[in-house]
Amino acid sequence: MYKNNWQNRRRGRRSHQQNSRLRQHGSDERCNSVAEQSPQDSGPISDDESPSTSSGSAGSSSVPDLPGFYFDPEKKRYFRLLPGHNNCNPLTKESIRQKEMESKRLQLLEEEDKQKKADTNSDRLFTVNDVKVGGSKYGIISLRGLKTPSLKVHMHENLYFTNRKVNSVCWASLNHLDSHILLCLMGIAETPGCATLLPASLFVSSHPAGDRPGMLCSFRIPGAWSCAWSLNIQANNCFSTGLSRRVLVTNVVTGHRQSFGTSSDVLAQQFALMAPLLFNGCRSGEIFAIDLRCRNQGKGWKATRLFHDSAVTSVQILQEEQNLMASDMAGTIKLWDLRTTKCIRQYEGHVNEYAYLPLHVHEEEGIVVAVGQDCYTRIWSFHDACLLRTIPSPHPTSKADIPSVAFSSRLGGFRGAPGLLMAVQQDLYCFSYT
């Protein structure tokens, strides 16, 4: 991993600059920084007027800190902070913090050669787009055109539209691998929440040749926070939904349901492939496994129990099913040994305070990827938890525009190279790794 290089390409535009470390190639599209804020009704104060007994500084560690003033390290002056000022351009702590964050983001982008545009090991990616009028629009992005020297993607859209919020989504393999998309929709007004199986064949040219249109079916499941599809032979044609204080396992073919009561909302789920287990992450910080061989009545169906200090937002079972990785709303990422139920590794640097953020683990490439609430994408070494790369958002930092990422070991198909896709607002970015 350490000897490899990250490259960034934007829709047919290439760059041939090289760095000696992890690097990207990008377009020369510019980023506009936030306009510099100039204080009004306030004057500069020279350094020699400040008392030497003060320690620390809002702008620089080498100058004293004056209560009610801010030191600008660029202009080397003090400026008066104006709390509650009616002026359209006041100098406040919030504006200073925003300016510093934007300056840091632009600096990182400059270090990355101002790279720009583009979890699955296949050639398709399902997308959910928020619509300004409310609701969501769905589509499938074909990645078969992601080949050098020109990078192209094709969006297959469908008229299927809902005015309800999508809480969770995953691929479902009903007719064949990834034949459907499982969506958890929130209820609205008199319409209850539901889980919907949407055939991928509804999207033009997105299904394999000769594939007949699939079945669209919906299950009334109110208030689902999370969902997962089972590829385990002992839970064939089944999916799970995490509800408020309950887990519901549903067989799509027979309609049979199993219900398991919990003490907290279930925010994350994943089925094991070899063992008949369903792992769940809760708002309380508890992670537990359900033994699917047990019925919903009686005790003893909790096979494993782990604990985080904050709400668990993602659980990932590793290939040998002896380890599990989880992240929570405190920004903690831990690797657990399921045999000893102990944490064996922790990944530092992830930023999260209250958001529902996913975690991407790729053992084949030996990396862990997560996007923080600060809009930075961080890549760690899976084996030693070393932070390998921090990628700033190509757009100004905003909690409403946190990037969505997907990593693939074979981007664009079977012969594709590893790469990272990043979606921000209406833009799609591709970071190829060779």
Protein backbone atom coordinates (compact mmCIF):
# COMPACT_ATOMS: atom_id res chain seq x y z
CA MET A 1 0.00 0.00 0.00
CA TYR A 2 2.76 2.42 0.94
CA LYS A 3 4.61 2.00 -2.35
CA ASN A 4 1.57 2.52 -4.51
CA ASN A 5 0.34 5.84 -5.81
CA TRP A 6 -3.03 7.53 -5.87
CA GLN A 7 -3.92 9.28 -9.09
CA ASN A 8 -6.83 11.58 -9.74
CA ARG A 9 -8.38 11.99 -13.18
CA ARG A 10 -11.35 14.10 -14.19
CA ARG A 11 -13.51 12.97 -17.10
CA GLY A 12 -10.93 12.62 -19.83
CA ARG A 13 -8.42 15.20 -18.58
CA ARG A 14 -5.00 13.94 -17.46
CA SER A 15 -2.03 15.37 -15.69
CA HIS A 16 1.50 13.94 -15.66
CA GLN A 17 2.95 15.58 -12.58
CA GLN A 18 4.55 13.17 -10.13
CA ASN A 19 5.10 13.27 -6.38
CA SER A 20 7.35 11.10 -4.27
CA ARG A 21 4.52 10.15 -1.89
CA LEU A 22 0.86 9.17 -2.18
CA ARG A 23 -0.34 11.52 -4.93
CA GLN A 24 -3.14 12.36 -7.33
CA HIS A 25 -3.38 13.82 -10.81
CA GLY A 26 -5.99 16.46 -11.35
CA SER A 27 -7.42 19.15 -13.49
CA ASP A 28 -6.41 22.76 -13.15
CA GLU A 29 -9.93 23.88 -12.29
CA ARG A 30 -9.76 26.54 -9.64
CA CYS A 31 -11.40 26.60 -6.21
CA ASN A 32 -12.82 29.89 -5.05
CA SER A 33 -12.00 30.62 -1.45
CA VAL A 34 -14.36 32.32 0.95
CA ALA A 35 -14.09 36.10 0.64
CA GLU A 36 -11.69 37.59 3.16
CA GLN A 37 -13.57 39.26 5.96
CA SER A 38 -12.45 42.80 6.79
CA PRO A 39 -13.41 44.28 10.15
CA GLN A 40 -15.37 47.48 10.23
CA ASP A 41 -15.51 50.05 13.01
CA SER A 42 -12.38 48.45 14.42
CA GLY A 43 -8.77 49.49 14.17
CA PRO A 44 -5.46 47.64 14.30
CA ILE A 45 -3.45 47.42 17.48
CA SER A 46 0.30 47.04 17.23
CA ASP A 47 2.11 44.16 18.90
CA ASP A 48 3.97 46.36 21.35
CA GLU A 49 0.71 47.54 22.91
CA SER A 50 -0.22 44.08 24.07
CA PRO A 51 0.73 42.89 27.57
CA SER A 52 3.52 40.32 27.68
CA THR A 53 1.99 38.47 30.61
CA SER A 54 -0.77 36.87 28.51
CA SER A 55 -0.25 33.41 27.03
CA GLY A 56 -1.73 31.73 23.94
CA SER A 57 -3.38 33.32 20.91
CA ALA A 58 -6.38 32.86 18.67
CA GLY A 59 -4.32 33.34 15.55
CA SER A 60 -0.72 32.50 16.47
CA SER A 61 1.04 30.81 19.37
CA SER A 62 3.91 33.36 19.32
CA VAL A 63 1.81 36.43 20.20
CA PRO A 64 -0.15 37.26 23.37
CA ASP A 65 -3.89 36.74 23.52
CA LEU A 66 -5.98 39.86 24.15
CA PRO A 67 -9.56 39.37 25.35
CA GLY A 68 -11.97 40.72 22.75
CA PHE A 69 -9.33 40.86 20.00
CA TYR A 70 -8.18 38.55 17.22
CA PHE A 71 -4.62 38.45 15.86
CA ASP A 72 -4.37 38.01 12.09
CA PRO A 73 -1.06 36.19 11.36
CA GLU A 74 -1.12 37.33 7.72
CA LYS A 75 -1.58 41.04 8.41
CA LYS A 76 0.24 40.77 11.74
CA ARG A 77 -2.34 42.94 13.45
CA TYR A 78 -4.95 42.69 16.17
CA PHE A 79 -8.59 43.26 15.23
CA ARG A 80 -11.49 43.81 17.56
CA LEU A 81 -14.13 41.06 17.73
CA LEU A 82 -17.64 42.44 17.30
CA PRO A 83 -20.20 40.10 18.95
CA GLY A 84 -23.76 40.71 17.81
CA HIS A 85 -22.75 43.45 15.38
CA ASN A 86 -25.39 44.46 12.84
CA ASN A 87 -22.87 45.08 10.10
CA CYS A 88 -23.16 42.82 7.05
CA ASN A 89 -19.52 41.78 7.37
CA PRO A 90 -18.59 41.63 11.07
CA LEU A 91 -15.50 39.91 12.42
CA THR A 92 -16.73 37.14 14.70
CA LYS A 93 -15.30 33.93 16.10
CA GLU A 94 -17.50 31.89 13.78
CA SER A 95 -16.37 33.78 10.69
CA ILE A 96 -12.74 33.43 11.77
CA ARG A 97 -13.18 29.67 12.26
CA GLN A 98 -14.90 29.33 8.88
CA LYS A 99 -12.11 31.28 7.20
CA GLU A 100 -9.43 29.11 8.82
CA MET A 101 -11.22 25.90 7.77
CA GLU A 102 -11.56 27.13 4.20
CA SER A 103 -7.91 28.19 4.14
CA LYS A 104 -6.86 24.73 5.36
CA ARG A 105 -9.02 23.01 2.76
CA LEU A 106 -7.60 25.12 -0.09
CA GLN A 107 -4.07 24.51 1.14
CA LEU A 108 -4.59 20.74 1.08
CA LEU A 109 -6.12 20.95 -2.38
CA GLU A 110 -3.09 22.90 -3.57
CA GLU A 111 -0.79 20.26 -2.12
CA GLU A 112 -2.79 17.65 -4.00
CA ASP A 113 -2.23 19.55 -7.28
CA LYS A 114 -5.80 20.82 -7.14
CA GLN A 115 -7.23 17.47 -8.18
CA LYS A 116 -10.84 17.36 -9.29
CA LYS A 117 -13.67 15.29 -10.57
CA ALA A 118 -15.32 11.49 -10.64
CA ASP A 119 -18.59 -0.47 -2.40
CA THR A 120 -18.67 -2.53 -4.96
CA ASN A 121 -16.37 -4.80 -6.93
CA SER A 122 -18.73 -4.72 -9.91
CA ASP A 123 -19.28 -2.19 -12.66
CA ARG A 124 -22.42 -0.53 -11.31
CA LEU A 125 -23.17 1.92 -8.53
CA PHE A 126 -26.64 2.68 -7.20
CA THR A 127 -27.32 6.32 -6.35
CA VAL A 128 -29.94 8.23 -4.38
CA ASN A 129 -30.23 11.91 -5.29
CA ASP A 130 -32.01 14.43 -3.10
CA VAL A 131 -34.39 16.65 -5.06
CA LYS A 132 -34.88 20.32 -4.17
CA VAL A 133 -38.68 20.01 -4.14
CA GLY A 134 -38.37 17.23 -1.56
CA GLY A 135 -37.94 13.48 -1.89
CA SER A 136 -35.44 11.34 -3.76
CA LYS A 137 -34.64 10.27 -7.30
CA TYR A 138 -32.85 7.00 -8.05
CA GLY A 139 -30.32 5.96 -10.65
CA ILE A 140 -27.58 3.48 -11.50
CA ILE A 141 -24.17 4.69 -12.67
CA SER A 142 -22.40 2.42 -15.16
CA LEU A 143 -18.65 2.44 -14.48
CA ARG A 144 -17.59 0.45 -17.54
CA GLY A 145 -16.22 3.59 -19.17
CA LEU A 146 -13.72 4.20 -16.36
CA LYS A 147 -10.76 3.15 -18.46
CA THR A 148 -7.65 5.16 -19.22
CA PRO A 149 -6.89 7.39 -21.04
CA SER A 150 -10.50 8.65 -21.11
CA LEU A 151 -12.78 8.31 -18.08
CA LYS A 152 -16.51 8.17 -18.73
CA VAL A 153 -19.54 7.19 -16.70
CA HIS A 154 -23.14 6.84 -17.82
CA MET A 155 -26.12 7.59 -15.61
CA HIS A 156 -29.16 5.33 -16.03
CA GLU A 157 -32.14 7.12 -14.54
CA ASN A 158 -35.69 5.97 -14.02
CA LEU A 159 -38.96 7.78 -13.53
CA TYR A 160 -39.36 6.01 -10.19
CA PHE A 161 -39.53 8.84 -7.67
CA THR A 162 -40.55 9.11 -4.04
CA ASN A 163 -41.24 12.10 -1.86
CA ARG A 164 -40.11 10.13 1.17
CA LYS A 165 -36.71 10.14 2.79
CA VAL A 166 -34.46 7.12 2.19
CA ASN A 167 -33.06 5.99 5.56
CA SER A 168 -30.99 3.08 4.30
CA VAL A 169 -30.16 1.29 1.04
CA CYS A 170 -28.24 -1.81 -0.03
CA TRP A 171 -27.93 -4.22 -2.97
CA ALA A 172 -30.15 -7.31 -2.85
CA SER A 173 -29.57 -10.62 -4.66
CA LEU A 174 -33.01 -12.10 -5.26
CA ASN A 175 -32.95 -13.39 -8.85
CA HIS A 176 -29.17 -13.20 -9.20
CA LEU A 177 -26.28 -11.23 -7.71
CA ASP A 178 -27.28 -7.57 -7.24
CA SER A 179 -30.58 -8.06 -9.07
CA HIS A 180 -32.46 -5.63 -6.81
CA ILE A 181 -31.97 -2.62 -4.57
CA LEU A 182 -33.39 -2.71 -1.04
CA LEU A 183 -34.65 0.68 0.17
CA CYS A 184 -35.95 1.70 3.60
CA LEU A 185 -38.38 4.60 3.23
CA MET A 186 -39.71 6.78 6.02
CA GLY A 187 -43.42 7.23 6.47
CA ILE A 188 -45.10 10.51 5.57
CA ALA A 189 -48.53 11.82 6.58
CA GLU A 190 -50.97 8.88 6.34
CA THR A 191 -48.50 6.68 4.45
CA PRO A 192 -46.53 4.30 6.71
CA GLY A 193 -42.86 3.54 6.27
CA CYS A 194 -41.86 0.55 4.15
CA ALA A 195 -39.02 -1.54 2.77
CA THR A 196 -39.05 -1.74 -1.03
CA LEU A 197 -37.24 -4.12 -3.38
CA LEU A 198 -36.57 -2.18 -6.56
CA PRO A 199 -35.44 -4.27 -9.59
CA ALA A 200 -32.22 -3.06 -11.18
CA SER A 201 -33.80 -3.99 -14.52
CA LEU A 202 -36.07 -0.94 -14.22
CA PHE A 203 -33.08 1.15 -15.19
CA VAL A 204 -32.44 1.25 -18.92
CA SER A 205 -29.50 -0.88 -20.07
CA SER A 206 -28.36 -1.42 -16.50
CA HIS A 207 -29.28 -5.11 -16.31
CA PRO A 208 -27.35 -8.03 -17.86
CA ALA A 209 -28.18 -9.06 -21.41
CA GLY A 210 -31.24 -11.29 -21.60
CA ASP A 211 -32.34 -10.49 -18.08
CA ARG A 212 -36.10 -10.17 -17.76
CA PRO A 213 -37.67 -7.36 -15.74
CA GLY A 214 -37.65 -8.14 -12.04
CA MET A 215 -40.38 -8.04 -9.45
CA LEU A 216 -41.05 -4.84 -7.52
CA CYS A 217 -42.39 -5.56 -4.06
CA SER A 218 -42.93 -3.57 -0.90
CA PHE A 219 -43.24 -4.54 2.77
CA ARG A 220 -44.92 -2.38 5.40
CA ILE A 221 -42.15 -1.86 7.93
CA PRO A 222 -42.52 1.44 9.82
CA GLY A 223 -39.55 3.41 11.08
CA ALA A 224 -36.63 1.35 9.71
CA TRP A 225 -33.22 2.86 10.47
CA SER A 226 -31.10 0.29 8.66
CA CYS A 227 -31.30 -2.72 6.35
CA ALA A 228 -29.17 -5.64 5.20
CA TRP A 229 -29.56 -8.43 2.62
CA SER A 230 -28.54 -11.99 3.48
CA LEU A 231 -26.23 -14.06 1.27
CA ASN A 232 -26.13 -16.79 3.91
CA ILE A 233 -27.62 -20.10 2.73
CA GLN A 234 -29.34 -20.55 6.11
CA ALA A 235 -31.20 -17.27 5.61
CA ASN A 236 -31.80 -17.49 1.88
CA ASN A 237 -33.99 -14.78 0.27
CA CYS A 238 -34.10 -12.88 3.55
CA PHE A 239 -33.44 -9.30 4.51
CA SER A 240 -33.25 -7.57 7.85
CA THR A 241 -34.43 -4.16 9.00
CA GLY A 242 -33.30 -2.37 12.13
CA LEU A 243 -36.18 -0.58 13.84
CA SER A 244 -36.72 1.30 17.07
CA ARG A 245 -35.98 -1.32 19.76
CA ARG A 246 -36.55 -4.19 17.35
CA VAL A 247 -34.93 -6.24 14.58
CA LEU A 248 -37.14 -7.73 11.89
CA VAL A 249 -35.95 -10.54 9.58
CA THR A 250 -38.24 -11.05 6.56
CA ASN A 251 -38.30 -13.83 3.97
CA VAL A 252 -39.19 -12.23 0.62
CA VAL A 253 -40.56 -15.43 -0.94
CA THR A 254 -42.68 -16.79 1.93
CA GLY A 255 -43.39 -13.56 3.77
CA HIS A 256 -42.39 -15.19 7.07
CA ARG A 257 -41.01 -12.81 9.70
CA GLN A 258 -38.88 -13.15 12.81
CA SER A 259 -38.88 -10.36 15.38
CA PHE A 260 -36.16 -9.78 17.99
CA GLY A 261 -36.66 -7.18 20.72
CA THR A 262 -33.77 -4.88 21.60
CA SER A 263 -33.18 -2.15 24.18
CA SER A 264 -32.16 0.51 21.65
CA ASP A 265 -32.62 1.68 18.04
CA VAL A 266 -30.69 -0.46 15.53
CA LEU A 267 -28.69 1.87 13.24
CA ALA A 268 -26.39 -0.60 11.43
CA GLN A 269 -26.62 -4.23 10.29
CA GLN A 270 -24.72 -6.90 8.37
CA PHE A 271 -25.23 -10.63 7.83
CA ALA A 272 -22.31 -13.02 8.20
CA LEU A 273 -21.72 -15.18 5.15
CA MET A 274 -20.56 -18.45 6.72
CA ALA A 275 -22.06 -18.40 10.22
CA PRO A 276 -25.85 -17.94 10.66
CA LEU A 277 -25.38 -14.61 12.41
CA LEU A 278 -26.77 -11.10 11.97
CA PHE A 279 -24.64 -8.33 13.51
CA ASN A 280 -26.33 -5.14 14.71
CA GLY A 281 -25.08 -1.75 15.93
CA CYS A 282 -27.30 0.28 18.27
CA ARG A 283 -27.81 3.87 19.30
CA SER A 284 -26.82 2.87 22.83
CA GLY A 285 -23.35 1.84 21.60
CA GLU A 286 -24.01 -1.90 21.89
CA ILE A 287 -23.06 -4.29 19.08
CA PHE A 288 -24.66 -7.72 19.22
CA ALA A 289 -25.10 -10.74 16.97
CA ILE A 290 -28.38 -12.60 16.49
CA ASP A 291 -28.20 -16.37 16.04
CA LEU A 292 -30.67 -16.89 13.19
CA ARG A 293 -31.23 -20.52 14.21
CA CYS A 294 -33.02 -19.31 17.34
CA ARG A 295 -36.66 -18.34 17.23
CA ASN A 296 -37.88 -14.95 18.31
CA GLN A 297 -39.38 -16.39 21.49
CA GLY A 298 -37.13 -17.37 24.37
CA LYS A 299 -33.64 -16.33 25.39
CA GLY A 300 -30.12 -16.95 24.19
CA TRP A 301 -30.31 -15.50 20.67
CA LYS A 302 -27.61 -12.89 21.40
CA ALA A 303 -24.44 -14.68 20.32
CA THR A 304 -21.88 -11.86 20.76
CA ARG A 305 -21.89 -8.52 22.59
CA LEU A 306 -19.48 -5.59 22.16
CA PHE A 307 -19.73 -2.01 23.41
CA HIS A 308 -18.85 1.46 22.11
CA ASP A 309 -19.24 4.70 24.07
CA SER A 310 -21.50 6.29 21.44
CA ALA A 311 -24.14 5.38 18.85
CA VAL A 312 -22.80 2.82 16.35
CA THR A 313 -23.29 3.94 12.74
CA SER A 314 -21.51 1.17 10.82
CA VAL A 315 -20.53 -2.49 11.32
CA GLN A 316 -18.34 -4.44 8.89
CA ILE A 317 -17.63 -8.17 9.20
CA LEU A 318 -14.22 -9.10 7.82
CA GLN A 319 -13.56 -11.96 5.41
CA GLU A 320 -12.62 -14.71 7.87
CA GLU A 321 -15.52 -13.64 10.14
CA GLN A 322 -13.20 -13.60 13.14
CA ASN A 323 -13.00 -9.80 13.29
CA LEU A 324 -15.47 -6.94 13.07
CA MET A 325 -14.88 -3.23 12.46
CA ALA A 326 -17.27 -0.58 13.74
CA SER A 327 -17.53 3.21 13.85
CA ASP A 328 -19.66 5.46 16.03
CA MET A 329 -20.92 9.03 16.42
CA ALA A 330 -17.95 9.98 18.58
CA GLY A 331 -15.59 9.44 15.63
CA THR A 332 -14.20 6.19 17.06
CA ILE A 333 -13.24 3.38 14.66
CA LYS A 334 -12.36 0.06 16.30
CA LEU A 335 -11.31 -3.38 15.08
CA TRP A 336 -12.75 -6.11 17.33
CA ASP A 337 -11.72 -9.73 17.81
CA LEU A 338 -15.00 -11.66 17.89
CA ARG A 339 -13.42 -14.63 19.66
CA THR A 340 -12.10 -12.67 22.64
CA THR A 341 -14.58 -9.74 22.30
CA LYS A 342 -11.68 -7.31 22.74
CA CYS A 343 -10.60 -4.28 20.72
CA ILE A 344 -7.32 -5.08 18.96
CA ARG A 345 -6.84 -1.86 16.96
CA GLN A 346 -8.17 1.70 16.84
CA TYR A 347 -8.04 4.11 13.90
CA GLU A 348 -7.48 7.74 14.92
CA GLY A 349 -8.48 10.95 13.15
CA HIS A 350 -12.08 10.32 12.10
CA VAL A 351 -14.39 13.27 12.85
CA ASN A 352 -18.02 12.70 13.80
CA GLU A 353 -20.29 14.33 16.35
CA TYR A 354 -23.81 13.23 15.49
CA ALA A 355 -24.00 12.20 11.82
CA TYR A 356 -24.93 8.83 10.33
CA LEU A 357 -21.66 8.15 8.46
CA PRO A 358 -20.64 4.86 6.78
CA LEU A 359 -17.34 3.01 7.03
CA HIS A 360 -15.60 1.28 4.09
CA VAL A 361 -13.20 -1.62 4.75
CA HIS A 362 -11.20 -3.20 1.90
CA GLU A 363 -8.98 -6.04 3.05
CA GLU A 364 -7.82 -6.85 -0.49
CA GLU A 365 -6.14 -3.45 -0.76
CA GLY A 366 -5.41 -3.22 2.97
CA ILE A 367 -7.19 0.09 3.55
CA VAL A 368 -10.00 1.62 5.60
CA VAL A 369 -11.90 4.63 4.20
CA ALA A 370 -14.25 7.02 6.00
CA VAL A 371 -15.61 10.52 5.36
CA GLY A 372 -15.81 12.72 8.44
CA GLN A 373 -18.33 15.37 9.38
CA ASP A 374 -15.60 17.90 8.54
CA CYS A 375 -15.93 16.72 4.88
CA TYR A 376 -12.42 15.20 4.82
CA THR A 377 -11.98 11.70 3.38
CA ARG A 378 -9.40 9.75 5.37
CA ILE A 379 -7.64 6.56 4.31
CA TRP A 380 -5.90 4.35 6.88
CA SER A 381 -3.75 1.27 6.58
CA PHE A 382 -5.89 -1.65 7.66
CA HIS A 383 -2.93 -3.54 9.12
CA ASP A 384 -1.34 -0.92 11.41
CA ALA A 385 -4.00 1.87 11.58
CA CYS A 386 -1.56 4.42 10.14
CA LEU A 387 -3.29 7.40 8.46
CA LEU A 388 -2.16 7.22 4.83
CA ARG A 389 -4.07 10.01 3.18
CA THR A 390 -6.43 12.91 3.91
CA ILE A 391 -8.45 14.16 0.93
CA PRO A 392 -10.27 17.50 1.33
CA SER A 393 -13.64 18.06 -0.25
CA PRO A 394 -13.40 19.73 -3.67
CA HIS A 395 -16.26 21.99 -2.52
CA PRO A 396 -16.28 24.43 0.42
CA THR A 397 -16.86 22.61 3.70
CA SER A 398 -20.52 22.31 4.64
CA LYS A 399 -22.35 19.88 6.90
CA ALA A 400 -25.08 19.77 4.25
CA ASP A 401 -22.63 18.61 1.56
CA ILE A 402 -20.62 15.81 3.17
CA PRO A 403 -19.04 13.77 0.33
CA SER A 404 -20.20 10.22 -0.37
CA VAL A 405 -17.49 7.75 -1.39
CA ALA A 406 -17.26 4.22 -2.76
CA PHE A 407 -14.08 2.20 -3.21
CA SER A 408 -13.58 -0.69 -5.61
CA SER A 409 -10.65 -3.04 -6.11
CA ARG A 410 -11.65 -3.31 -9.78
CA LEU A 411 -13.11 0.04 -10.75
CA GLY A 412 -15.10 -0.19 -13.98
CA GLY A 413 -15.27 -3.98 -14.17
CA PHE A 414 -13.25 -7.18 -13.83
CA ARG A 415 -10.11 -5.76 -15.48
CA GLY A 416 -10.37 -2.39 -13.77
CA ALA A 417 -7.83 -0.95 -11.36
CA PRO A 418 -8.50 0.00 -7.74
CA GLY A 419 -10.06 3.42 -7.32
CA LEU A 420 -12.15 5.72 -5.17
CA LEU A 421 -15.30 7.49 -6.34
CA MET A 422 -16.36 10.67 -4.55
CA ALA A 423 -19.73 12.38 -5.03
CA VAL A 424 -20.24 15.97 -3.87
CA GLN A 425 -23.39 17.87 -4.82
CA GLN A 426 -23.82 17.26 -8.58
CA ASP A 427 -20.18 16.33 -9.24
CA LEU A 428 -18.53 12.91 -9.43
CA TYR A 429 -14.79 12.56 -8.84
CA CYS A 430 -12.54 9.58 -9.55
CA PHE A 431 -9.31 8.87 -7.68
CA SER A 432 -7.58 5.93 -9.37
CA TYR A 433 -4.98 3.90 -7.50
CA THR A 434 -2.24 2.07 -9.37
